[in-house]
Amino acid sequence: MKMAISAQGTELDSMIDPRFGRAKYFILFDLETNTHKSVENIQNLNATQGAGIQSASLIAKEEVEAVITGHCGPKAFVVLNKAKIKVFIKDGITVKEAISLFKKNKIVEIKEANVEGHW
């Protein structure tokens, strides 16, 4: 299974970025091989609108099955949901800690956006 985690940096020790659409990076982690790579999300950091949709589209192209982020707005959630990507919410920890909690089924999957758009 491949997942994407919104991150403030490019390494597993980076903190989770609480904002999905405007996350600085996404760390793509493969649970089967325990390998990862980081993807810049620079184009969406200062977008006036559509950052969540564009970020969700970027992640969907990477063929991930799950996302871990701090918050996910309604438009991004719709795109991720249509791509059959599950959304899990966790904030205030590192990417590495989030992966560990995910493996132990200790991160909550959300069934709808947990913030309004443009928060």
Protein backbone atom coordinates (compact mmCIF):
# COMPACT_ATOMS: atom_id res chain seq x y z
CA MET A 1 0.00 0.00 0.00
CA LYS A 2 1.23 3.44 -0.93
CA MET A 3 0.29 6.50 1.13
CA ALA A 4 0.88 10.25 1.08
CA ILE A 5 1.55 12.34 4.17
CA SER A 6 1.39 16.14 4.11
CA ALA A 7 4.74 17.32 5.45
CA GLN A 8 6.59 20.49 6.36
CA GLY A 9 9.87 18.98 5.09
CA THR A 10 11.25 16.24 2.90
CA GLU A 11 12.28 13.66 5.51
CA LEU A 12 10.43 11.17 7.70
CA ASP A 13 11.42 13.22 10.75
CA SER A 14 9.54 16.23 9.32
CA MET A 15 6.40 17.37 11.08
CA ILE A 16 3.04 16.71 9.43
CA ASP A 17 1.83 19.82 7.65
CA PRO A 18 -1.64 20.55 9.07
CA ARG A 19 -2.93 21.97 5.78
CA PHE A 20 -3.45 19.43 3.01
CA GLY A 21 -3.96 21.75 0.05
CA ARG A 22 -1.17 24.11 0.97
CA ALA A 23 1.26 21.57 2.41
CA LYS A 24 4.86 22.31 1.50
CA TYR A 25 5.55 18.69 0.62
CA PHE A 26 3.96 15.29 0.42
CA ILE A 27 5.97 12.30 1.49
CA LEU A 28 4.97 9.23 -0.46
CA PHE A 29 5.54 6.10 1.59
CA ASP A 30 5.26 2.50 0.40
CA LEU A 31 4.25 0.26 3.30
CA GLU A 32 5.34 -2.90 1.48
CA THR A 33 8.90 -1.80 0.71
CA ASN A 34 9.34 0.78 3.51
CA THR A 35 10.64 3.27 0.95
CA HIS A 36 9.69 6.90 0.49
CA LYS A 37 10.14 9.92 -1.69
CA SER A 38 9.09 13.53 -1.27
CA VAL A 39 7.08 15.59 -3.73
CA GLU A 40 7.06 19.39 -3.68
CA ASN A 41 3.72 21.14 -3.55
CA ILE A 42 5.13 24.64 -4.19
CA GLN A 43 2.58 25.48 -6.91
CA ASN A 44 -0.22 25.35 -4.33
CA LEU A 45 1.37 27.17 -1.39
CA ASN A 46 0.18 30.59 -2.52
CA ALA A 47 -2.69 29.66 -4.83
CA THR A 48 -5.60 32.05 -4.47
CA GLN A 49 -8.04 29.17 -4.85
CA GLY A 50 -8.14 25.52 -5.86
CA ALA A 51 -5.11 24.46 -3.79
CA GLY A 52 -6.97 21.52 -2.26
CA ILE A 53 -8.26 20.28 -5.60
CA GLN A 54 -4.85 20.59 -7.25
CA SER A 55 -3.08 18.88 -4.35
CA ALA A 56 -5.62 16.04 -4.36
CA SER A 57 -5.13 15.63 -8.12
CA LEU A 58 -1.35 15.55 -7.65
CA ILE A 59 -1.69 12.82 -5.01
CA ALA A 60 -4.19 10.81 -7.07
CA LYS A 61 -1.68 10.66 -9.94
CA GLU A 62 0.76 8.98 -7.57
CA GLU A 63 -1.71 6.10 -7.12
CA VAL A 64 -1.81 6.25 -3.34
CA GLU A 65 -4.55 4.53 -1.34
CA ALA A 66 -4.42 6.71 1.77
CA VAL A 67 -3.54 10.23 2.90
CA ILE A 68 -2.52 11.38 6.36
CA THR A 69 -2.84 15.10 6.99
CA GLY A 70 -3.81 17.55 9.70
CA HIS A 71 -6.94 18.89 8.01
CA CYS A 72 -8.76 18.30 4.74
CA GLY A 73 -11.23 20.75 3.20
CA PRO A 74 -14.40 19.85 1.30
CA LYS A 75 -13.15 20.23 -2.27
CA ALA A 76 -9.98 18.24 -1.66
CA PHE A 77 -11.99 15.59 0.17
CA VAL A 78 -14.35 15.17 -2.79
CA VAL A 79 -11.44 14.68 -5.22
CA LEU A 80 -9.70 12.21 -2.90
CA ASN A 81 -12.96 10.35 -2.29
CA LYS A 82 -13.64 10.04 -6.03
CA ALA A 83 -10.14 8.63 -6.47
CA LYS A 84 -10.92 6.10 -3.72
CA ILE A 85 -8.20 7.52 -1.47
CA LYS A 86 -8.93 7.24 2.24
CA VAL A 87 -8.21 10.28 4.41
CA PHE A 88 -6.75 9.98 7.89
CA ILE A 89 -6.30 12.89 10.28
CA LYS A 90 -3.36 13.38 12.63
CA ASP A 91 -1.42 16.53 13.49
CA GLY A 92 1.39 17.64 15.77
CA ILE A 93 3.63 14.61 15.15
CA THR A 94 6.30 13.61 12.68
CA VAL A 95 5.67 11.73 9.46
CA LYS A 96 7.52 8.74 10.92
CA GLU A 97 5.28 8.73 13.99
CA ALA A 98 2.17 8.97 11.79
CA ILE A 99 3.27 5.97 9.73
CA SER A 100 3.88 3.97 12.90
CA LEU A 101 0.41 4.84 14.25
CA PHE A 102 -1.16 4.00 10.88
CA LYS A 103 0.44 0.57 10.92
CA LYS A 104 -1.09 0.00 14.38
CA ASN A 105 -4.55 1.20 13.19
CA LYS A 106 -4.41 4.11 15.63
CA ILE A 107 -5.26 6.95 13.25
CA VAL A 108 -8.86 7.91 12.59
CA GLU A 109 -10.24 7.81 9.05
CA ILE A 110 -12.61 10.66 8.29
CA LYS A 111 -15.73 10.29 6.17
CA GLU A 112 -16.10 13.99 5.33
CA ALA A 113 -14.01 17.16 5.32
CA ASN A 114 -12.96 18.25 8.79
CA VAL A 115 -12.61 21.97 7.99
CA GLU A 116 -14.43 24.46 5.77
CA GLY A 117 -12.73 25.63 2.61
CA HIS A 118 -10.11 28.41 2.80
CA TRP A 119 -9.46 28.13 6.52
